[in-house]
């Protein structure tokens, strides 16, 4: 597809920020929906996947959390928090060897 428009990027950032507020309030399901809507508008925003991964981890949806962490790392290989999310999901899935390499 084509790159998102300036308006789509701005709306995506606003949705991500709303998701952050819901996450802080413990409303993980609402936050996941907001992050998902943000990802549709701007699929290249690694922060959306990192944040949604954190929510999914808290909700016990570990495979989905790992998938989002993988997307985050693929989009932003220097973003350390992405690897922390990936390692946390792997550890919770008892993939200790994978988790160890993600944390390094």
N, C-alpha and C. Protein backbone atom coordinates (compact mmCIF):
# COMPACT_ATOMS: atom_id res chain seq x y z
N UNK A 1 0.81 -1.19 0.00
CA UNK A 1 0.00 0.00 0.00
C UNK A 1 0.85 1.25 0.00
N UNK A 2 0.17 2.34 -0.02
CA UNK A 2 0.84 3.63 -0.03
C UNK A 2 1.10 4.11 1.40
N UNK A 3 1.98 5.07 1.51
CA UNK A 3 2.30 5.65 2.81
C UNK A 3 1.07 6.37 3.36
N UNK A 4 0.90 6.38 4.67
CA UNK A 4 -0.25 7.09 5.24
C UNK A 4 -0.14 8.59 5.03
N UNK A 5 -1.29 9.23 4.91
CA UNK A 5 -1.32 10.69 4.77
C UNK A 5 -0.95 11.34 6.10
N UNK A 6 -0.67 12.62 6.04
CA UNK A 6 -0.35 13.36 7.26
C UNK A 6 -1.51 13.27 8.26
N UNK A 7 -2.73 13.35 7.75
CA UNK A 7 -3.91 13.27 8.62
C UNK A 7 -4.02 11.88 9.26
N UNK A 8 -3.73 10.84 8.50
CA UNK A 8 -3.79 9.48 9.05
C UNK A 8 -2.74 9.29 10.13
N UNK A 9 -1.55 9.83 9.91
CA UNK A 9 -0.49 9.73 10.91
C UNK A 9 -0.91 10.47 12.18
N UNK A 10 -1.45 11.67 12.02
CA UNK A 10 -1.88 12.46 13.19
C UNK A 10 -2.99 11.75 13.95
N UNK A 11 -3.95 11.18 13.24
CA UNK A 11 -5.05 10.45 13.89
C UNK A 11 -4.51 9.20 14.59
N UNK A 12 -3.56 8.53 13.95
CA UNK A 12 -2.95 7.35 14.54
C UNK A 12 -2.25 7.69 15.85
N UNK A 13 -1.50 8.79 15.85
CA UNK A 13 -0.81 9.22 17.08
C UNK A 13 -1.83 9.54 18.17
N UNK A 14 -2.92 10.20 17.80
CA UNK A 14 -3.96 10.53 18.79
C UNK A 14 -4.58 9.26 19.36
N UNK A 15 -4.85 8.28 18.51
CA UNK A 15 -5.41 7.01 18.97
C UNK A 15 -4.42 6.29 19.89
N UNK A 16 -3.13 6.31 19.50
CA UNK A 16 -2.11 5.67 20.34
C UNK A 16 -2.06 6.34 21.71
N UNK A 17 -2.14 7.66 21.74
CA UNK A 17 -2.11 8.38 23.02
C UNK A 17 -3.34 8.07 23.87
N UNK A 18 -4.51 7.93 23.21
CA UNK A 18 -5.72 7.52 23.94
C UNK A 18 -5.52 6.12 24.50
N UNK A 19 -4.90 5.25 23.71
CA UNK A 19 -4.61 3.90 24.17
C UNK A 19 -3.68 3.91 25.37
N UNK A 20 -2.69 4.79 25.35
CA UNK A 20 -1.77 4.92 26.48
C UNK A 20 -2.52 5.28 27.76
N UNK A 21 -3.49 6.20 27.65
CA UNK A 21 -4.27 6.61 28.81
C UNK A 21 -5.11 5.44 29.33
N UNK A 22 -5.72 4.69 28.42
CA UNK A 22 -6.52 3.53 28.83
C UNK A 22 -5.64 2.47 29.47
N UNK A 23 -4.45 2.26 28.92
CA UNK A 23 -3.50 1.30 29.51
C UNK A 23 -3.17 1.72 30.94
N UNK A 24 -2.88 3.00 31.13
CA UNK A 24 -2.53 3.51 32.46
C UNK A 24 -3.68 3.32 33.46
N UNK A 25 -4.92 3.33 32.95
CA UNK A 25 -6.09 3.12 33.80
C UNK A 25 -6.41 1.65 34.00
N UNK A 26 -5.64 0.76 33.34
CA UNK A 26 -5.90 -0.67 33.47
C UNK A 26 -6.97 -1.18 32.53
N UNK A 27 -7.41 -0.34 31.59
CA UNK A 27 -8.44 -0.74 30.62
C UNK A 27 -7.77 -1.32 29.39
N UNK A 28 -7.22 -2.53 29.53
CA UNK A 28 -6.38 -3.11 28.50
C UNK A 28 -7.15 -3.45 27.22
N UNK A 29 -8.38 -3.93 27.37
CA UNK A 29 -9.19 -4.29 26.19
C UNK A 29 -9.46 -3.05 25.33
N UNK A 30 -9.82 -1.96 25.97
CA UNK A 30 -10.07 -0.70 25.24
C UNK A 30 -8.77 -0.22 24.60
N UNK A 31 -7.68 -0.30 25.34
CA UNK A 31 -6.38 0.13 24.81
C UNK A 31 -6.01 -0.69 23.58
N UNK A 32 -6.24 -2.00 23.61
CA UNK A 32 -5.93 -2.86 22.46
C UNK A 32 -6.73 -2.40 21.24
N UNK A 33 -8.00 -2.09 21.44
CA UNK A 33 -8.83 -1.63 20.31
C UNK A 33 -8.30 -0.31 19.74
N UNK A 34 -7.89 0.60 20.61
CA UNK A 34 -7.35 1.89 20.16
C UNK A 34 -6.03 1.69 19.41
N UNK A 35 -5.15 0.86 19.95
CA UNK A 35 -3.88 0.59 19.28
C UNK A 35 -4.11 -0.10 17.93
N UNK A 36 -5.09 -0.98 17.87
CA UNK A 36 -5.40 -1.66 16.61
C UNK A 36 -5.89 -0.67 15.55
N UNK A 37 -6.73 0.26 15.97
CA UNK A 37 -7.21 1.29 15.04
C UNK A 37 -6.05 2.17 14.58
N UNK A 38 -5.14 2.48 15.48
CA UNK A 38 -3.96 3.28 15.12
C UNK A 38 -3.09 2.53 14.12
N UNK A 39 -2.95 1.22 14.31
CA UNK A 39 -2.12 0.41 13.40
C UNK A 39 -2.70 0.36 12.00
N UNK A 40 -4.02 0.38 11.88
CA UNK A 40 -4.65 0.39 10.56
C UNK A 40 -4.30 1.68 9.82
N UNK A 41 -4.31 2.80 10.54
CA UNK A 41 -4.02 4.10 9.93
C UNK A 41 -2.53 4.26 9.59
N UNK A 42 -1.67 3.75 10.47
CA UNK A 42 -0.23 3.90 10.26
C UNK A 42 0.48 2.61 10.66
N UNK A 43 0.50 1.62 9.76
CA UNK A 43 1.07 0.32 10.10
C UNK A 43 2.58 0.31 10.31
N UNK A 44 3.25 1.41 10.06
CA UNK A 44 4.71 1.45 10.25
C UNK A 44 5.12 2.04 11.59
N UNK A 45 4.15 2.35 12.47
CA UNK A 45 4.46 2.93 13.78
C UNK A 45 4.78 1.81 14.78
N UNK A 46 6.06 1.63 15.04
CA UNK A 46 6.49 0.54 15.93
C UNK A 46 5.95 0.70 17.34
N UNK A 47 5.68 1.93 17.78
CA UNK A 47 5.19 2.15 19.14
C UNK A 47 3.81 1.55 19.35
N UNK A 48 3.00 1.54 18.31
CA UNK A 48 1.66 0.94 18.40
C UNK A 48 1.78 -0.55 18.75
N UNK A 49 2.69 -1.23 18.07
CA UNK A 49 2.86 -2.67 18.30
C UNK A 49 3.50 -2.95 19.66
N UNK A 50 4.44 -2.11 20.06
CA UNK A 50 5.05 -2.26 21.38
C UNK A 50 4.00 -2.10 22.47
N UNK A 51 3.19 -1.07 22.36
CA UNK A 51 2.19 -0.78 23.38
C UNK A 51 1.09 -1.84 23.39
N UNK A 52 0.66 -2.26 22.20
CA UNK A 52 -0.38 -3.30 22.14
C UNK A 52 0.17 -4.61 22.70
N UNK A 53 1.44 -4.90 22.43
CA UNK A 53 2.08 -6.08 22.99
C UNK A 53 2.04 -6.05 24.51
N UNK A 54 2.32 -4.90 25.09
CA UNK A 54 2.28 -4.77 26.55
C UNK A 54 0.89 -5.07 27.09
N UNK A 55 -0.13 -4.56 26.43
CA UNK A 55 -1.51 -4.84 26.85
C UNK A 55 -1.81 -6.33 26.75
N UNK A 56 -1.47 -6.90 25.62
CA UNK A 56 -1.76 -8.32 25.41
C UNK A 56 -1.04 -9.19 26.42
N UNK A 57 0.18 -8.81 26.78
CA UNK A 57 0.90 -9.53 27.84
C UNK A 57 0.13 -9.48 29.15
N UNK A 58 -0.34 -8.30 29.50
CA UNK A 58 -1.09 -8.13 30.75
C UNK A 58 -2.39 -8.92 30.73
N UNK A 59 -2.94 -9.14 29.53
CA UNK A 59 -4.20 -9.88 29.38
C UNK A 59 -3.97 -11.38 29.25
N UNK A 60 -2.71 -11.81 29.21
CA UNK A 60 -2.41 -13.23 29.08
C UNK A 60 -2.53 -13.75 27.66
N UNK A 61 -2.63 -12.87 26.68
CA UNK A 61 -2.73 -13.26 25.27
C UNK A 61 -1.31 -13.28 24.69
N UNK A 62 -0.57 -14.32 25.07
CA UNK A 62 0.87 -14.35 24.89
C UNK A 62 1.33 -14.47 23.44
N UNK A 63 0.67 -15.31 22.65
CA UNK A 63 1.08 -15.46 21.25
C UNK A 63 0.87 -14.15 20.50
N UNK A 64 -0.27 -13.51 20.74
CA UNK A 64 -0.53 -12.22 20.09
C UNK A 64 0.49 -11.17 20.55
N UNK A 65 0.83 -11.20 21.84
CA UNK A 65 1.83 -10.27 22.38
C UNK A 65 3.17 -10.49 21.69
N UNK A 66 3.53 -11.75 21.50
CA UNK A 66 4.79 -12.07 20.82
C UNK A 66 4.75 -11.61 19.36
N UNK A 67 3.62 -11.82 18.70
CA UNK A 67 3.49 -11.37 17.31
C UNK A 67 3.70 -9.87 17.19
N UNK A 68 3.08 -9.11 18.10
CA UNK A 68 3.24 -7.65 18.07
C UNK A 68 4.68 -7.24 18.40
N UNK A 69 5.30 -7.93 19.34
CA UNK A 69 6.69 -7.62 19.68
C UNK A 69 7.59 -7.90 18.47
N UNK A 70 7.32 -8.99 17.76
CA UNK A 70 8.09 -9.30 16.54
C UNK A 70 7.92 -8.20 15.50
N UNK A 71 6.69 -7.71 15.33
CA UNK A 71 6.46 -6.60 14.38
C UNK A 71 7.21 -5.35 14.81
N UNK A 72 7.16 -5.04 16.09
CA UNK A 72 7.86 -3.87 16.61
C UNK A 72 9.36 -3.96 16.32
N UNK A 73 9.96 -5.10 16.62
CA UNK A 73 11.39 -5.31 16.41
C UNK A 73 11.75 -5.24 14.93
N UNK A 74 10.88 -5.78 14.08
CA UNK A 74 11.13 -5.74 12.64
C UNK A 74 11.10 -4.30 12.12
N UNK A 75 10.18 -3.49 12.66
CA UNK A 75 10.05 -2.10 12.22
C UNK A 75 11.14 -1.20 12.80
N UNK A 76 11.58 -1.52 14.01
CA UNK A 76 12.54 -0.65 14.71
C UNK A 76 13.56 -1.51 15.45
N UNK A 77 14.55 -2.04 14.72
CA UNK A 77 15.51 -2.97 15.33
C UNK A 77 16.38 -2.36 16.43
N UNK A 78 16.41 -1.04 16.56
CA UNK A 78 17.21 -0.41 17.62
C UNK A 78 16.36 0.00 18.82
N UNK A 79 15.07 -0.27 18.77
CA UNK A 79 14.14 0.10 19.85
C UNK A 79 14.19 -0.98 20.93
N UNK A 80 14.90 -0.70 22.02
CA UNK A 80 15.16 -1.71 23.05
C UNK A 80 13.89 -2.25 23.67
N UNK A 81 12.89 -1.41 23.86
CA UNK A 81 11.66 -1.87 24.51
C UNK A 81 10.99 -2.97 23.70
N UNK A 82 11.13 -2.95 22.39
CA UNK A 82 10.58 -4.02 21.56
C UNK A 82 11.16 -5.37 21.92
N UNK A 83 12.46 -5.40 22.16
CA UNK A 83 13.11 -6.65 22.55
C UNK A 83 12.71 -7.07 23.97
N UNK A 84 12.45 -6.09 24.84
CA UNK A 84 11.98 -6.43 26.18
C UNK A 84 10.59 -7.07 26.11
N UNK A 85 9.72 -6.52 25.26
CA UNK A 85 8.38 -7.10 25.10
C UNK A 85 8.50 -8.51 24.53
N UNK A 86 9.36 -8.67 23.52
CA UNK A 86 9.57 -9.97 22.89
C UNK A 86 10.08 -10.98 23.91
N UNK A 87 11.08 -10.58 24.68
CA UNK A 87 11.64 -11.47 25.69
C UNK A 87 10.62 -11.84 26.77
N UNK A 88 9.81 -10.87 27.18
CA UNK A 88 8.79 -11.15 28.20
C UNK A 88 7.77 -12.16 27.69
N UNK A 89 7.32 -11.99 26.46
CA UNK A 89 6.36 -12.95 25.89
C UNK A 89 6.98 -14.33 25.76
N UNK A 90 8.21 -14.37 25.28
CA UNK A 90 8.89 -15.67 25.13
C UNK A 90 9.07 -16.34 26.49
N UNK A 91 9.44 -15.58 27.49
CA UNK A 91 9.63 -16.14 28.83
C UNK A 91 8.32 -16.69 29.37
N UNK A 92 7.23 -15.94 29.19
CA UNK A 92 5.93 -16.39 29.68
C UNK A 92 5.44 -17.62 28.90
N UNK A 93 5.91 -17.78 27.68
CA UNK A 93 5.57 -18.96 26.88
C UNK A 93 6.55 -20.11 27.12
N UNK A 94 7.43 -19.94 28.11
CA UNK A 94 8.45 -20.95 28.45
C UNK A 94 9.43 -21.20 27.31
N UNK A 95 9.68 -20.19 26.51
CA UNK A 95 10.69 -20.26 25.45
C UNK A 95 11.95 -19.58 25.96
N UNK A 96 12.57 -20.21 26.93
CA UNK A 96 13.66 -19.57 27.67
C UNK A 96 14.88 -19.25 26.81
N UNK A 97 15.22 -20.13 25.88
CA UNK A 97 16.39 -19.88 25.03
C UNK A 97 16.12 -18.67 24.14
N UNK A 98 14.91 -18.61 23.57
CA UNK A 98 14.54 -17.46 22.74
C UNK A 98 14.55 -16.18 23.59
N UNK A 99 13.98 -16.27 24.78
CA UNK A 99 13.91 -15.10 25.65
C UNK A 99 15.31 -14.60 25.99
N UNK A 100 16.20 -15.53 26.27
CA UNK A 100 17.56 -15.14 26.61
C UNK A 100 18.20 -14.35 25.48
N UNK A 101 18.01 -14.79 24.23
CA UNK A 101 18.62 -14.07 23.11
C UNK A 101 17.92 -12.74 22.88
N UNK A 102 16.64 -12.64 23.15
CA UNK A 102 15.92 -11.37 22.99
C UNK A 102 16.39 -10.34 24.02
N UNK A 103 16.67 -10.82 25.22
CA UNK A 103 17.13 -9.90 26.27
C UNK A 103 18.56 -9.43 26.03
N UNK A 104 19.32 -10.18 25.26
CA UNK A 104 20.70 -9.79 24.99
C UNK A 104 20.69 -8.91 23.81
